[in-house]
C-alpha atoms as a PDB file:
ATOM      1  CA  MET A   1     100.753  50.037-208.074  1.00  0.00           C
ATOM      2  CA  LEU A   2      99.139  48.685-210.573  1.00  0.00           C
ATOM      3  CA  GLU A   3     100.759  45.501-212.320  1.00  0.00           C
ATOM      4  CA  ASN A   4     101.003  46.958-216.008  1.00  0.00           C
ATOM      5  CA  GLU A   5     103.699  49.534-215.362  1.00  0.00           C
ATOM      6  CA  GLU A   6     105.670  49.052-218.603  1.00  0.00           C
ATOM      7  CA  LYS A   7     106.495  51.397-221.098  1.00  0.00           C
ATOM      8  CA  PHE A   8     105.471  49.986-224.630  1.00  0.00           C
ATOM      9  CA  TYR A   9     107.669  50.791-227.645  1.00  0.00           C
ATOM     10  CA  GLY A  10     106.810  49.144-231.290  1.00  0.00           C
ATOM     11  CA  GLU A  11     105.824  49.807-234.804  1.00  0.00           C
ATOM     12  CA  GLU A  12     102.061  49.766-235.929  1.00  0.00           C
ATOM     13  CA  GLU A  13      99.794  51.002-239.155  1.00  0.00           C
ATOM     14  CA  LEU A  14      97.269  53.309-239.019  1.00  0.00           C
ATOM     15  CA  CYS A  15      95.279  54.174-242.535  1.00  0.00           C
ATOM     16  CA  GLY A  16      97.929  52.796-244.222  1.00  0.00           C
ATOM     17  CA  GLN A  17     100.582  54.949-242.589  1.00  0.00           C
ATOM     18  CA  ARG A  18     103.353  53.203-240.307  1.00  0.00           C
ATOM     19  CA  TYR A  19     104.590  54.607-237.003  1.00  0.00           C
ATOM     20  CA  PHE A  20     106.533  54.376-234.231  1.00  0.00           C
ATOM     21  CA  THR A  21     104.380  54.148-231.503  1.00  0.00           C
ATOM     22  CA  ALA A  22     105.505  54.599-227.819  1.00  0.00           C
ATOM     23  CA  VAL A  23     102.914  54.525-224.759  1.00  0.00           C
ATOM     24  CA  TYR A  24     104.120  55.492-220.946  1.00  0.00           C
ATOM     25  CA  PRO A  25     101.790  55.420-217.883  1.00  0.00           C
ATOM     26  CA  ASP A  26     100.501  58.172-216.049  1.00  0.00           C
ATOM     27  CA  PHE A  27     100.409  58.057-212.571  1.00  0.00           C
ATOM     28  CA  ALA A  28      98.278  59.168-209.945  1.00  0.00           C
ATOM     29  CA  ILE A  29     100.978  61.820-208.183  1.00  0.00           C
ATOM     30  CA  SER A  30      98.840  63.665-206.089  1.00  0.00           C
ATOM     31  CA  ASP A  31      95.601  63.978-203.886  1.00  0.00           C
ATOM     32  CA  ALA A  32      93.753  66.038-206.526  1.00  0.00           C
ATOM     33  CA  CYS A  33      94.429  63.081-209.433  1.00  0.00           C
ATOM     34  CA  VAL A  34      92.953  60.486-207.024  1.00  0.00           C
ATOM     35  CA  ASP A  35      90.422  62.397-205.427  1.00  0.00           C
ATOM     36  CA  CYS A  36      89.256  63.855-209.417  1.00  0.00           C
ATOM     37  CA  HIS A  37      89.176  60.310-210.750  1.00  0.00           C
ATOM     38  CA  ASN A  38      87.499  58.445-208.067  1.00  0.00           C
ATOM     39  CA  ASP A  39      84.703  61.159-207.478  1.00  0.00           C
ATOM     40  CA  HIS A  40      84.252  61.635-212.106  1.00  0.00           C
ATOM     41  CA  LYS A  41      80.963  60.332-212.692  1.00  0.00           C
ATOM     42  CA  ASP A  42      82.594  58.309-215.959  1.00  0.00           C
ATOM     43  CA  SER A  43      85.390  56.937-214.070  1.00  0.00           C
ATOM     44  CA  PRO A  44      85.834  52.948-214.495  1.00  0.00           C
ATOM     45  CA  ARG A  45      87.295  53.073-210.928  1.00  0.00           C
ATOM     46  CA  THR A  46      86.760  54.396-207.687  1.00  0.00           C
ATOM     47  CA  ASP A  47      89.283  53.269-205.759  1.00  0.00           C
ATOM     48  CA  ILE A  48      92.925  54.944-206.996  1.00  0.00           C
ATOM     49  CA  GLU A  49      95.267  55.207-204.632  1.00  0.00           C
ATOM     50  CA  LEU A  50      98.246  57.556-204.694  1.00  0.00           C
ATOM     51  CA  GLY A  51     100.808  55.695-207.180  1.00  0.00           C
ATOM     52  CA  ASP A  52      98.549  53.790-208.986  1.00  0.00           C
ATOM     53  CA  VAL A  53      98.363  53.718-213.140  1.00  0.00           C
ATOM     54  CA  ILE A  54      95.493  55.905-214.346  1.00  0.00           C
ATOM     55  CA  GLY A  55      96.328  56.528-217.883  1.00  0.00           C
ATOM     56  CA  GLY A  56      98.751  56.554-220.273  1.00  0.00           C
ATOM     57  CA  GLY A  57     100.608  58.701-223.034  1.00  0.00           C
ATOM     58  CA  VAL A  58     101.123  58.236-226.433  1.00  0.00           C
ATOM     59  CA  ILE A  59     103.484  59.736-228.781  1.00  0.00           C
ATOM     60  CA  ARG A  60     103.674  58.559-232.514  1.00  0.00           C
ATOM     61  CA  ILE A  61     106.207  59.260-234.941  1.00  0.00           C
ATOM     62  CA  PRO A  62     105.437  58.742-239.081  1.00  0.00           C
ATOM     63  CA  MET A  63     108.141  56.260-240.412  1.00  0.00           C
ATOM     64  CA  ASP A  64     107.555  56.744-244.066  1.00  0.00           C
END
């Protein structure tokens, strides 16, 4: 597993609008995830293994 598996919660401002933001890690949960990410021509990594963090999901909720 990669080191940065932490969830992030906080506030941010984008284009003058305040948001509550949550970011969750996305894990390689199957061989299909591993194969696709390792074989993709634009992938920054080719050594991904099951359970590694391979991306993230972001949720933003306007606060104003």
